[in-house]
C-alpha atoms as a PDB file:
ATOM      1  CA  UNK A   1     161.932 124.086 -13.424  1.00  0.00           C
ATOM      2  CA  UNK A   2     162.116 124.122  -9.678  1.00  0.00           C
ATOM      3  CA  UNK A   3     162.181 120.345  -9.211  1.00  0.00           C
ATOM      4  CA  UNK A   4     164.201 119.340 -12.282  1.00  0.00           C
ATOM      5  CA  UNK A   5     167.320 118.921 -10.169  1.00  0.00           C
ATOM      6  CA  UNK A   6     167.723 115.188  -9.574  1.00  0.00           C
ATOM      7  CA  UNK A   7     170.734 115.478  -7.282  1.00  0.00           C
ATOM      8  CA  UNK A   8     168.658 114.444  -4.299  1.00  0.00           C
ATOM      9  CA  UNK A   9     167.112 111.062  -3.769  1.00  0.00           C
ATOM     10  CA  UNK A  10     164.306 111.383  -1.234  1.00  0.00           C
ATOM     11  CA  UNK A  11     161.764 108.664  -0.997  1.00  0.00           C
ATOM     12  CA  UNK A  12     158.727 109.654   0.986  1.00  0.00           C
ATOM     13  CA  UNK A  13     156.324 106.896   1.817  1.00  0.00           C
ATOM     14  CA  UNK A  14     153.651 106.492   4.438  1.00  0.00           C
ATOM     15  CA  UNK A  15     154.584 102.840   4.574  1.00  0.00           C
ATOM     16  CA  UNK A  16     158.057 103.598   5.909  1.00  0.00           C
ATOM     17  CA  UNK A  17     157.089 105.865   8.780  1.00  0.00           C
ATOM     18  CA  UNK A  18     158.532 104.350  11.964  1.00  0.00           C
ATOM     19  CA  UNK A  19     155.923 102.709  14.139  1.00  0.00           C
ATOM     20  CA  UNK A  20     153.256 102.244  11.526  1.00  0.00           C
ATOM     21  CA  UNK A  21     152.206  98.795  10.502  1.00  0.00           C
ATOM     22  CA  UNK A  22     150.480  99.286   7.138  1.00  0.00           C
ATOM     23  CA  UNK A  23     152.470  96.468   5.573  1.00  0.00           C
ATOM     24  CA  UNK A  24     151.683  93.954   8.295  1.00  0.00           C
ATOM     25  CA  UNK A  25     149.235  91.553   6.670  1.00  0.00           C
ATOM     26  CA  UNK A  26     148.773  89.422   9.791  1.00  0.00           C
ATOM     27  CA  UNK A  27     146.260  91.816  11.332  1.00  0.00           C
ATOM     28  CA  UNK A  28     143.574  89.456  12.611  1.00  0.00           C
ATOM     29  CA  UNK A  29     144.891  89.556  16.170  1.00  0.00           C
ATOM     30  CA  UNK A  30     145.162  93.341  16.021  1.00  0.00           C
ATOM     31  CA  UNK A  31     141.422  93.894  16.180  1.00  0.00           C
ATOM     32  CA  UNK A  32     139.256  94.181  19.264  1.00  0.00           C
ATOM     33  CA  UNK A  33     135.951  92.432  19.759  1.00  0.00           C
ATOM     34  CA  UNK A  34     132.990  94.243  18.187  1.00  0.00           C
ATOM     35  CA  UNK A  35     131.724  95.279  21.628  1.00  0.00           C
ATOM     36  CA  UNK A  36     135.060  96.722  22.781  1.00  0.00           C
ATOM     37  CA  UNK A  37     135.686  98.423  19.427  1.00  0.00           C
ATOM     38  CA  UNK A  38     132.226  99.999  19.569  1.00  0.00           C
ATOM     39  CA  UNK A  39     132.951 101.478  23.007  1.00  0.00           C
ATOM     40  CA  UNK A  40     136.307 102.865  21.887  1.00  0.00           C
ATOM     41  CA  UNK A  41     135.157 104.038  18.480  1.00  0.00           C
ATOM     42  CA  UNK A  42     137.828 102.056  16.648  1.00  0.00           C
ATOM     43  CA  UNK A  43     138.192  98.332  16.131  1.00  0.00           C
ATOM     44  CA  UNK A  44     141.961  98.352  15.720  1.00  0.00           C
ATOM     45  CA  UNK A  45     143.990  97.734  18.883  1.00  0.00           C
ATOM     46  CA  UNK A  46     146.359 100.460  19.978  1.00  0.00           C
ATOM     47  CA  UNK A  47     144.600 103.308  18.180  1.00  0.00           C
ATOM     48  CA  UNK A  48     142.411 104.636  20.990  1.00  0.00           C
ATOM     49  CA  UNK A  49     143.960 107.857  22.273  1.00  0.00           C
ATOM     50  CA  UNK A  50     141.798 109.473  24.940  1.00  0.00           C
ATOM     51  CA  UNK A  51     141.321 113.218  24.721  1.00  0.00           C
ATOM     52  CA  UNK A  52     142.544 115.159  27.723  1.00  0.00           C
ATOM     53  CA  UNK A  53     142.534 112.130  30.052  1.00  0.00           C
ATOM     54  CA  UNK A  54     138.918 111.292  29.180  1.00  0.00           C
ATOM     55  CA  UNK A  55     138.051 107.709  28.470  1.00  0.00           C
ATOM     56  CA  UNK A  56     135.063 105.668  27.453  1.00  0.00           C
ATOM     57  CA  UNK A  57     132.831 103.719  29.790  1.00  0.00           C
ATOM     58  CA  UNK A  58     131.063 100.428  29.297  1.00  0.00           C
ATOM     59  CA  UNK A  59     127.363 100.570  28.653  1.00  0.00           C
ATOM     60  CA  UNK A  60     125.265  98.344  30.877  1.00  0.00           C
ATOM     61  CA  UNK A  61     122.044  97.169  29.255  1.00  0.00           C
ATOM     62  CA  UNK A  62     119.195  96.785  31.714  1.00  0.00           C
ATOM     63  CA  UNK A  63     117.199  94.128  29.882  1.00  0.00           C
ATOM     64  CA  UNK A  64     117.315  91.627  27.023  1.00  0.00           C
ATOM     65  CA  UNK A  65     116.093  94.129  24.458  1.00  0.00           C
ATOM     66  CA  UNK A  66     118.807  96.663  25.320  1.00  0.00           C
ATOM     67  CA  UNK A  67     121.437  93.910  25.364  1.00  0.00           C
ATOM     68  CA  UNK A  68     120.449  92.795  21.875  1.00  0.00           C
ATOM     69  CA  UNK A  69     120.315  96.370  20.538  1.00  0.00           C
ATOM     70  CA  UNK A  70     123.790  97.077  21.932  1.00  0.00           C
ATOM     71  CA  UNK A  71     125.117  93.933  20.302  1.00  0.00           C
ATOM     72  CA  UNK A  72     123.452  94.886  16.994  1.00  0.00           C
ATOM     73  CA  UNK A  73     125.081  98.327  17.128  1.00  0.00           C
ATOM     74  CA  UNK A  74     128.475  96.828  17.976  1.00  0.00           C
ATOM     75  CA  UNK A  75     128.411  94.361  15.075  1.00  0.00           C
ATOM     76  CA  UNK A  76     127.164  97.013  12.681  1.00  0.00           C
ATOM     77  CA  UNK A  77     130.033  99.266  13.783  1.00  0.00           C
ATOM     78  CA  UNK A  78     132.556  96.432  13.417  1.00  0.00           C
ATOM     79  CA  UNK A  79     131.394  95.713   9.870  1.00  0.00           C
ATOM     80  CA  UNK A  80     131.738  99.371   8.909  1.00  0.00           C
ATOM     81  CA  UNK A  81     135.170  99.660  10.509  1.00  0.00           C
ATOM     82  CA  UNK A  82     136.432  96.484   8.826  1.00  0.00           C
ATOM     83  CA  UNK A  83     134.991  97.780   5.563  1.00  0.00           C
ATOM     84  CA  UNK A  84     137.176 100.880   5.858  1.00  0.00           C
ATOM     85  CA  UNK A  85     140.212  98.700   6.544  1.00  0.00           C
ATOM     86  CA  UNK A  86     139.394  96.450   3.562  1.00  0.00           C
ATOM     87  CA  UNK A  87     139.066  99.499   1.300  1.00  0.00           C
ATOM     88  CA  UNK A  88     142.787 100.042   1.881  1.00  0.00           C
ATOM     89  CA  UNK A  89     143.756  96.357   2.138  1.00  0.00           C
ATOM     90  CA  UNK A  90     141.476  94.431  -0.243  1.00  0.00           C
ATOM     91  CA  UNK A  91     143.742  91.374  -0.331  1.00  0.00           C
ATOM     92  CA  UNK A  92     143.770  90.768   3.425  1.00  0.00           C
ATOM     93  CA  UNK A  93     141.741  87.565   3.396  1.00  0.00           C
ATOM     94  CA  UNK A  94     141.886  87.019   7.166  1.00  0.00           C
ATOM     95  CA  UNK A  95     140.152  90.346   7.772  1.00  0.00           C
ATOM     96  CA  UNK A  96     137.734  89.681   4.903  1.00  0.00           C
ATOM     97  CA  UNK A  97     136.802  86.377   6.561  1.00  0.00           C
ATOM     98  CA  UNK A  98     136.250  88.227   9.849  1.00  0.00           C
ATOM     99  CA  UNK A  99     134.101  90.760   7.961  1.00  0.00           C
ATOM    100  CA  UNK A 100     131.942  87.966   6.494  1.00  0.00           C
ATOM    101  CA  UNK A 101     131.649  86.282   9.914  1.00  0.00           C
ATOM    102  CA  UNK A 102     130.497  89.530  11.565  1.00  0.00           C
ATOM    103  CA  UNK A 103     128.048  90.209   8.705  1.00  0.00           C
ATOM    104  CA  UNK A 104     126.467  86.779   9.197  1.00  0.00           C
ATOM    105  CA  UNK A 105     126.307  87.250  12.973  1.00  0.00           C
ATOM    106  CA  UNK A 106     124.676  90.663  12.492  1.00  0.00           C
ATOM    107  CA  UNK A 107     122.102  89.177  10.132  1.00  0.00           C
ATOM    108  CA  UNK A 108     121.332  86.365  12.599  1.00  0.00           C
ATOM    109  CA  UNK A 109     121.019  88.880  15.464  1.00  0.00           C
ATOM    110  CA  UNK A 110     118.653  91.062  13.447  1.00  0.00           C
ATOM    111  CA  UNK A 111     116.410  88.087  12.671  1.00  0.00           C
ATOM    112  CA  UNK A 112     116.366  87.043  16.329  1.00  0.00           C
ATOM    113  CA  UNK A 113     115.636  90.612  17.491  1.00  0.00           C
ATOM    114  CA  UNK A 114     112.772  91.020  15.014  1.00  0.00           C
ATOM    115  CA  UNK A 115     111.200  87.754  16.164  1.00  0.00           C
ATOM    116  CA  UNK A 116     111.407  88.759  19.836  1.00  0.00           C
ATOM    117  CA  UNK A 117     110.771  92.511  19.797  1.00  0.00           C
ATOM    118  CA  UNK A 118     109.472  93.531  16.377  1.00  0.00           C
ATOM    119  CA  UNK A 119     111.008  95.508  13.525  1.00  0.00           C
ATOM    120  CA  UNK A 120     114.101  97.660  13.849  1.00  0.00           C
ATOM    121  CA  UNK A 121     113.332  99.720  10.750  1.00  0.00           C
ATOM    122  CA  UNK A 122     110.003 100.342   9.078  1.00  0.00           C
ATOM    123  CA  UNK A 123     110.543  97.966   6.128  1.00  0.00           C
ATOM    124  CA  UNK A 124     111.099  94.894   8.342  1.00  0.00           C
ATOM    125  CA  UNK A 125     108.137  92.668   9.013  1.00  0.00           C
ATOM    126  CA  UNK A 126     107.487  89.069   9.932  1.00  0.00           C
ATOM    127  CA  UNK A 127     105.115  88.797   6.985  1.00  0.00           C
ATOM    128  CA  UNK A 128     101.930  88.407   9.033  1.00  0.00           C
ATOM    129  CA  UNK A 129     101.077  92.072   9.604  1.00  0.00           C
ATOM    130  CA  UNK A 130     102.446  95.599   9.807  1.00  0.00           C
ATOM    131  CA  UNK A 131     104.092  95.705  13.254  1.00  0.00           C
ATOM    132  CA  UNK A 132     105.909  99.021  13.015  1.00  0.00           C
ATOM    133  CA  UNK A 133     103.124 101.010  14.659  1.00  0.00           C
ATOM    134  CA  UNK A 134     102.510  98.373  17.334  1.00  0.00           C
ATOM    135  CA  UNK A 135     102.310  99.762  20.848  1.00  0.00           C
ATOM    136  CA  UNK A 136     103.789 100.189  23.374  1.00  0.00           C
ATOM    137  CA  UNK A 137     106.720 102.247  22.178  1.00  0.00           C
ATOM    138  CA  UNK A 138     109.897 102.073  24.309  1.00  0.00           C
ATOM    139  CA  UNK A 139     109.233 105.409  26.018  1.00  0.00           C
ATOM    140  CA  UNK A 140     105.665 104.357  26.850  1.00  0.00           C
ATOM    141  CA  UNK A 141     106.919 101.554  29.118  1.00  0.00           C
ATOM    142  CA  UNK A 142     109.943 103.259  30.594  1.00  0.00           C
ATOM    143  CA  UNK A 143     108.414 106.668  31.178  1.00  0.00           C
ATOM    144  CA  UNK A 144     109.913 110.063  30.591  1.00  0.00           C
ATOM    145  CA  UNK A 145     111.463 111.159  27.340  1.00  0.00           C
ATOM    146  CA  UNK A 146     114.815 109.430  27.586  1.00  0.00           C
ATOM    147  CA  UNK A 147     114.425 107.845  24.110  1.00  0.00           C
ATOM    148  CA  UNK A 148     112.786 110.792  22.349  1.00  0.00           C
END
């Protein structure tokens, strides 16, 4: 056969590529905050490579509702990104602890948001009544069709 010759001894491994740090288990300090990771699109430090000199910009919420929604999106993103990391590194307990911490913070934020501004998705309710259809909708107050 073509590859029966065992005269060569090549070991190819992704874990030995210079500059990668797959084997580094002390990764807790290598992650950005959920907000910064959300803006960059990746929670891991050092992995944001701008395309053609473009870069991200910070979003500036104009009110409490927008601030809370941005924070909800950031924590949701962080949980998903850490989930991907934990799929490849299931024994990294420091990152798993960070994952659990962010999941709890996201849950607490969702509860606070629902109490202040109403449901985020149709199945959420405070138990008293069906608030999903409650007016005004965001575009009713702000005018235009910027949210449609």
